[in-house]
Amino acid sequence: MSEIHISELTPGTFVINVDKEVEWGIGQVQSSINNKITINFENVGKKTINPKEVELKIIDINGTN
């Protein structure tokens, strides 16, 4: 598991939940406070996640990654 540093999860960043990518879809970080990241996912709405417990992957939706 490649760990994302919490400072990378800034509002506006697009991510996927590696374990639930298909079900949840792409998410956009809404806020990052302490170890709680609020992300709005396209298929399941807002989720509050501890990135130390859930594997997130930052994605580039513009295809320049």
PDB file of N, CA and C in Angstrom:
ATOM      1  N   MET A   1       0.852  -1.190   0.000  1.00  0.00           N
ATOM      2  CA  MET A   1       0.000   0.000   0.000  1.00  0.00           C
ATOM      3  C   MET A   1       0.883   1.233   0.000  1.00  0.00           C
ATOM      4  N   SER A   2       0.805   2.027  -1.055  1.00  0.00           N
ATOM      5  CA  SER A   2       1.574   3.268  -1.091  1.00  0.00           C
ATOM      6  C   SER A   2       0.791   4.323  -0.320  1.00  0.00           C
ATOM      7  N   GLU A   3       1.452   4.898   0.637  1.00  0.00           N
ATOM      8  CA  GLU A   3       0.744   5.805   1.530  1.00  0.00           C
ATOM      9  C   GLU A   3       0.746   7.231   0.994  1.00  0.00           C
ATOM     10  N   ILE A   4      -0.416   7.837   0.994  1.00  0.00           N
ATOM     11  CA  ILE A   4      -0.562   9.238   0.617  1.00  0.00           C
ATOM     12  C   ILE A   4      -0.353  10.065   1.873  1.00  0.00           C
ATOM     13  N   HIS A   5       0.433  11.108   1.755  1.00  0.00           N
ATOM     14  CA  HIS A   5       0.589  12.008   2.896  1.00  0.00           C
ATOM     15  C   HIS A   5      -0.656  12.876   2.980  1.00  0.00           C
ATOM     16  N   ILE A   6      -1.145  13.063   4.188  1.00  0.00           N
ATOM     17  CA  ILE A   6      -2.410  13.785   4.388  1.00  0.00           C
ATOM     18  C   ILE A   6      -2.366  15.196   3.799  1.00  0.00           C
ATOM     19  N   SER A   7      -1.183  15.798   3.713  1.00  0.00           N
ATOM     20  CA  SER A   7      -1.071  17.148   3.151  1.00  0.00           C
ATOM     21  C   SER A   7      -1.372  17.168   1.653  1.00  0.00           C
ATOM     22  N   GLU A   8      -1.347  16.007   1.000  1.00  0.00           N
ATOM     23  CA  GLU A   8      -1.677  15.924  -0.421  1.00  0.00           C
ATOM     24  C   GLU A   8      -3.182  15.948  -0.663  1.00  0.00           C
ATOM     25  N   LEU A   9      -3.960  15.685   0.372  1.00  0.00           N
ATOM     26  CA  LEU A   9      -5.416  15.588   0.239  1.00  0.00           C
ATOM     27  C   LEU A   9      -6.067  16.937   0.518  1.00  0.00           C
ATOM     28  N   THR A  10      -5.811  17.882  -0.374  1.00  0.00           N
ATOM     29  CA  THR A  10      -6.348  19.228  -0.223  1.00  0.00           C
ATOM     30  C   THR A  10      -7.682  19.339  -0.951  1.00  0.00           C
ATOM     31  N   PRO A  11      -8.531  20.275  -0.525  1.00  0.00           N
ATOM     32  CA  PRO A  11      -9.822  20.447  -1.204  1.00  0.00           C
ATOM     33  C   PRO A  11      -9.649  20.615  -2.712  1.00  0.00           C
ATOM     34  N   GLY A  12     -10.485  19.888  -3.449  1.00  0.00           N
ATOM     35  CA  GLY A  12     -10.425  19.924  -4.906  1.00  0.00           C
ATOM     36  C   GLY A  12      -9.686  18.751  -5.519  1.00  0.00           C
ATOM     37  N   THR A  13      -8.886  18.047  -4.718  1.00  0.00           N
ATOM     38  CA  THR A  13      -8.136  16.892  -5.211  1.00  0.00           C
ATOM     39  C   THR A  13      -9.091  15.745  -5.513  1.00  0.00           C
ATOM     40  N   PHE A  14      -8.880  15.078  -6.645  1.00  0.00           N
ATOM     41  CA  PHE A  14      -9.701  13.930  -7.015  1.00  0.00           C
ATOM     42  C   PHE A  14      -9.019  12.644  -6.572  1.00  0.00           C
ATOM     43  N   VAL A  15      -9.817  11.744  -5.983  1.00  0.00           N
ATOM     44  CA  VAL A  15      -9.292  10.493  -5.446  1.00  0.00           C
ATOM     45  C   VAL A  15     -10.249   9.344  -5.745  1.00  0.00           C
ATOM     46  N   ILE A  16      -9.732   8.138  -5.564  1.00  0.00           N
ATOM     47  CA  ILE A  16     -10.584   6.954  -5.546  1.00  0.00           C
ATOM     48  C   ILE A  16     -10.270   6.180  -4.278  1.00  0.00           C
ATOM     49  N   ASN A  17     -11.262   5.452  -3.787  1.00  0.00           N
ATOM     50  CA  ASN A  17     -11.059   4.496  -2.700  1.00  0.00           C
ATOM     51  C   ASN A  17     -10.659   3.200  -3.405  1.00  0.00           C
ATOM     52  N   VAL A  18      -9.423   2.784  -3.219  1.00  0.00           N
ATOM     53  CA  VAL A  18      -8.888   1.634  -3.946  1.00  0.00           C
ATOM     54  C   VAL A  18      -9.760   0.393  -3.785  1.00  0.00           C
ATOM     55  N   ASP A  19     -10.298   0.157  -2.591  1.00  0.00           N
ATOM     56  CA  ASP A  19     -11.108  -1.035  -2.342  1.00  0.00           C
ATOM     57  C   ASP A  19     -12.535  -0.939  -2.861  1.00  0.00           C
ATOM     58  N   LYS A  20     -13.012   0.266  -3.109  1.00  0.00           N
ATOM     59  CA  LYS A  20     -14.411   0.437  -3.524  1.00  0.00           C
ATOM     60  C   LYS A  20     -14.516   1.345  -4.751  1.00  0.00           C
ATOM     61  N   GLU A  21     -13.506   1.275  -5.611  1.00  0.00           N
ATOM     62  CA  GLU A  21     -13.447   2.165  -6.777  1.00  0.00           C
ATOM     63  C   GLU A  21     -14.695   2.089  -7.647  1.00  0.00           C
ATOM     64  N   VAL A  22     -15.149   0.874  -7.956  1.00  0.00           N
ATOM     65  CA  VAL A  22     -16.300   0.711  -8.846  1.00  0.00           C
ATOM     66  C   VAL A  22     -17.583   1.186  -8.170  1.00  0.00           C
ATOM     67  N   GLU A  23     -17.793   0.770  -6.913  1.00  0.00           N
ATOM     68  CA  GLU A  23     -19.035   1.133  -6.218  1.00  0.00           C
ATOM     69  C   GLU A  23     -19.115   2.632  -5.929  1.00  0.00           C
ATOM     70  N   TRP A  24     -18.025   3.217  -5.456  1.00  0.00           N
ATOM     71  CA  TRP A  24     -18.050   4.609  -5.013  1.00  0.00           C
ATOM     72  C   TRP A  24     -17.775   5.605  -6.134  1.00  0.00           C
ATOM     73  N   GLY A  25     -16.978   5.222  -7.116  1.00  0.00           N
ATOM     74  CA  GLY A  25     -16.615   6.131  -8.199  1.00  0.00           C
ATOM     75  C   GLY A  25     -15.549   7.126  -7.764  1.00  0.00           C
ATOM     76  N   ILE A  26     -15.398   8.163  -8.551  1.00  0.00           N
ATOM     77  CA  ILE A  26     -14.403   9.200  -8.280  1.00  0.00           C
ATOM     78  C   ILE A  26     -14.926  10.126  -7.195  1.00  0.00           C
ATOM     79  N   GLY A  27     -14.023  10.522  -6.299  1.00  0.00           N
ATOM     80  CA  GLY A  27     -14.385  11.460  -5.244  1.00  0.00           C
ATOM     81  C   GLY A  27     -13.559  12.720  -5.322  1.00  0.00           C
ATOM     82  N   GLN A  28     -14.120  13.800  -4.814  1.00  0.00           N
ATOM     83  CA  GLN A  28     -13.394  15.068  -4.735  1.00  0.00           C
ATOM     84  C   GLN A  28     -13.317  15.477  -3.275  1.00  0.00           C
ATOM     85  N   VAL A  29     -12.089  15.755  -2.818  1.00  0.00           N
ATOM     86  CA  VAL A  29     -11.878  16.149  -1.432  1.00  0.00           C
ATOM     87  C   VAL A  29     -12.597  17.469  -1.164  1.00  0.00           C
ATOM     88  N   GLN A  30     -13.395  17.482  -0.090  1.00  0.00           N
ATOM     89  CA  GLN A  30     -14.119  18.684   0.322  1.00  0.00           C
ATOM     90  C   GLN A  30     -13.383  19.409   1.443  1.00  0.00           C
ATOM     91  N   SER A  31     -12.874  18.623   2.417  1.00  0.00           N
ATOM     92  CA  SER A  31     -12.145  19.222   3.533  1.00  0.00           C
ATOM     93  C   SER A  31     -11.195  18.207   4.135  1.00  0.00           C
ATOM     94  N   SER A  32     -10.196  18.729   4.818  1.00  0.00           N
ATOM     95  CA  SER A  32      -9.187  17.895   5.461  1.00  0.00           C
ATOM     96  C   SER A  32      -8.898  18.491   6.832  1.00  0.00           C
ATOM     97  N   ILE A  33      -9.390  17.821   7.877  1.00  0.00           N
ATOM     98  CA  ILE A  33      -9.207  18.311   9.246  1.00  0.00           C
ATOM     99  C   ILE A  33      -8.655  17.174  10.078  1.00  0.00           C
ATOM    100  N   ASN A  34      -7.453  17.378  10.615  1.00  0.00           N
ATOM    101  CA  ASN A  34      -6.748  16.350  11.370  1.00  0.00           C
ATOM    102  C   ASN A  34      -6.646  15.081  10.527  1.00  0.00           C
ATOM    103  N   ASN A  35      -7.112  13.936  11.019  1.00  0.00           N
ATOM    104  CA  ASN A  35      -7.064  12.694  10.244  1.00  0.00           C
ATOM    105  C   ASN A  35      -8.402  12.357   9.624  1.00  0.00           C
ATOM    106  N   LYS A  36      -9.235  13.339   9.418  1.00  0.00           N
ATOM    107  CA  LYS A  36     -10.549  13.113   8.817  1.00  0.00           C
ATOM    108  C   LYS A  36     -10.637  13.898   7.510  1.00  0.00           C
ATOM    109  N   ILE A  37     -10.879  13.166   6.439  1.00  0.00           N
ATOM    110  CA  ILE A  37     -11.005  13.773   5.121  1.00  0.00           C
ATOM    111  C   ILE A  37     -12.450  13.590   4.672  1.00  0.00           C
ATOM    112  N   THR A  38     -13.122  14.666   4.322  1.00  0.00           N
ATOM    113  CA  THR A  38     -14.473  14.569   3.789  1.00  0.00           C
ATOM    114  C   THR A  38     -14.362  14.610   2.270  1.00  0.00           C
ATOM    115  N   ILE A  39     -14.918  13.577   1.639  1.00  0.00           N
ATOM    116  CA  ILE A  39     -14.828  13.419   0.194  1.00  0.00           C
ATOM    117  C   ILE A  39     -16.231  13.203  -0.360  1.00  0.00           C
ATOM    118  N   ASN A  40     -16.540  13.893  -1.437  1.00  0.00           N
ATOM    119  CA  ASN A  40     -17.829  13.725  -2.102  1.00  0.00           C
ATOM    120  C   ASN A  40     -17.620  12.778  -3.285  1.00  0.00           C
ATOM    121  N   PHE A  41     -18.132  11.543  -3.158  1.00  0.00           N
ATOM    122  CA  PHE A  41     -17.987  10.536  -4.208  1.00  0.00           C
ATOM    123  C   PHE A  41     -19.190  10.576  -5.141  1.00  0.00           C
ATOM    124  N   GLU A  42     -18.939  10.316  -6.426  1.00  0.00           N
ATOM    125  CA  GLU A  42     -19.996  10.440  -7.430  1.00  0.00           C
ATOM    126  C   GLU A  42     -21.148   9.463  -7.232  1.00  0.00           C
ATOM    127  N   ASN A  43     -20.895   8.271  -6.682  1.00  0.00           N
ATOM    128  CA  ASN A  43     -21.956   7.267  -6.567  1.00  0.00           C
ATOM    129  C   ASN A  43     -22.558   7.136  -5.168  1.00  0.00           C
ATOM    130  N   VAL A  44     -21.858   7.589  -4.136  1.00  0.00           N
ATOM    131  CA  VAL A  44     -22.346   7.389  -2.764  1.00  0.00           C
ATOM    132  C   VAL A  44     -22.403   8.663  -1.934  1.00  0.00           C
ATOM    133  N   GLY A  45     -22.090   9.798  -2.540  1.00  0.00           N
ATOM    134  CA  GLY A  45     -22.166  11.067  -1.820  1.00  0.00           C
ATOM    135  C   GLY A  45     -20.993  11.277  -0.882  1.00  0.00           C
ATOM    136  N   LYS A  46     -21.215  12.084   0.142  1.00  0.00           N
ATOM    137  CA  LYS A  46     -20.133  12.467   1.053  1.00  0.00           C
ATOM    138  C   LYS A  46     -19.800  11.362   2.049  1.00  0.00           C
ATOM    139  N   LYS A  47     -18.514  11.137   2.198  1.00  0.00           N
ATOM    140  CA  LYS A  47     -17.990  10.179   3.166  1.00  0.00           C
ATOM    141  C   LYS A  47     -16.868  10.861   3.930  1.00  0.00           C
ATOM    142  N   THR A  48     -16.809  10.595   5.238  1.00  0.00           N
ATOM    143  CA  THR A  48     -15.689  11.070   6.051  1.00  0.00           C
ATOM    144  C   THR A  48     -14.775   9.883   6.301  1.00  0.00           C
ATOM    145  N   ILE A  49     -13.520  10.042   5.913  1.00  0.00           N
ATOM    146  CA  ILE A  49     -12.581   8.928   5.873  1.00  0.00           C
ATOM    147  C   ILE A  49     -11.320   9.272   6.650  1.00  0.00           C
ATOM    148  N   ASN A  50     -10.789   8.259   7.350  1.00  0.00           N
ATOM    149  CA  ASN A  50      -9.460   8.366   7.947  1.00  0.00           C
ATOM    150  C   ASN A  50      -8.505   7.740   6.930  1.00  0.00           C
ATOM    151  N   PRO A  51      -7.642   8.543   6.291  1.00  0.00           N
ATOM    152  CA  PRO A  51      -6.776   7.993   5.244  1.00  0.00           C
ATOM    153  C   PRO A  51      -5.734   6.997   5.755  1.00  0.00           C
ATOM    154  N   LYS A  52      -5.607   6.867   7.061  1.00  0.00           N
ATOM    155  CA  LYS A  52      -4.717   5.839   7.612  1.00  0.00           C
ATOM    156  C   LYS A  52      -5.408   4.482   7.642  1.00  0.00           C
ATOM    157  N   GLU A  53      -6.741   4.474   7.494  1.00  0.00           N
ATOM    158  CA  GLU A  53      -7.514   3.234   7.531  1.00  0.00           C
ATOM    159  C   GLU A  53      -8.073   2.834   6.171  1.00  0.00           C
ATOM    160  N   VAL A  54      -8.162   3.779   5.256  1.00  0.00           N
ATOM    161  CA  VAL A  54      -8.722   3.520   3.928  1.00  0.00           C
ATOM    162  C   VAL A  54      -7.671   3.923   2.897  1.00  0.00           C
ATOM    163  N   GLU A  55      -7.393   3.029   1.943  1.00  0.00           N
ATOM    164  CA  GLU A  55      -6.393   3.344   0.924  1.00  0.00           C
ATOM    165  C   GLU A  55      -7.019   4.209  -0.166  1.00  0.00           C
ATOM    166  N   LEU A  56      -6.527   5.437  -0.253  1.00  0.00           N
ATOM    167  CA  LEU A  56      -6.976   6.364  -1.282  1.00  0.00           C
ATOM    168  C   LEU A  56      -5.874   6.509  -2.321  1.00  0.00           C
ATOM    169  N   LYS A  57      -6.281   6.774  -3.540  1.00  0.00           N
ATOM    170  CA  LYS A  57      -5.320   7.027  -4.606  1.00  0.00           C
ATOM    171  C   LYS A  57      -5.710   8.326  -5.280  1.00  0.00           C
ATOM    172  N   ILE A  58      -4.752   9.239  -5.369  1.00  0.00           N
ATOM    173  CA  ILE A  58      -5.000  10.501  -6.061  1.00  0.00           C
ATOM    174  C   ILE A  58      -5.009  10.228  -7.561  1.00  0.00           C
ATOM    175  N   ILE A  59      -5.984  10.788  -8.254  1.00  0.00           N
ATOM    176  CA  ILE A  59      -6.064  10.609  -9.706  1.00  0.00           C
ATOM    177  C   ILE A  59      -6.082  11.970 -10.395  1.00  0.00           C
ATOM    178  N   ASP A  60      -5.674  11.956 -11.640  1.00  0.00           N
ATOM    179  CA  ASP A  60      -5.698  13.157 -12.471  1.00  0.00           C
ATOM    180  C   ASP A  60      -6.795  12.972 -13.505  1.00  0.00           C
ATOM    181  N   ILE A  61      -7.901  13.678 -13.326  1.00  0.00           N
ATOM    182  CA  ILE A  61      -9.038  13.481 -14.233  1.00  0.00           C
ATOM    183  C   ILE A  61      -8.816  14.132 -15.598  1.00  0.00           C
ATOM    184  N   ASN A  62      -7.741  14.914 -15.726  1.00  0.00           N
ATOM    185  CA  ASN A  62      -7.444  15.558 -16.997  1.00  0.00           C
ATOM    186  C   ASN A  62      -6.549  14.700 -17.891  1.00  0.00           C
ATOM    187  N   GLY A  63      -6.100  13.554 -17.369  1.00  0.00           N
ATOM    188  CA  GLY A  63      -5.311  12.627 -18.164  1.00  0.00           C
ATOM    189  C   GLY A  63      -3.862  13.015 -18.343  1.00  0.00           C
ATOM    190  N   THR A  64      -3.362  13.922 -17.514  1.00  0.00           N
ATOM    191  CA  THR A  64      -1.959  14.332 -17.640  1.00  0.00           C
ATOM    192  C   THR A  64      -1.074  13.619 -16.657  1.00  0.00           C
ATOM    193  N   ASN A  65      -1.611  12.612 -15.985  1.00  0.00           N
ATOM    194  CA  ASN A  65      -0.850  11.894 -14.963  1.00  0.00           C
ATOM    195  C   ASN A  65      -0.024  10.786 -15.584  1.00  0.00           C
TER     196      ASN A  65
END
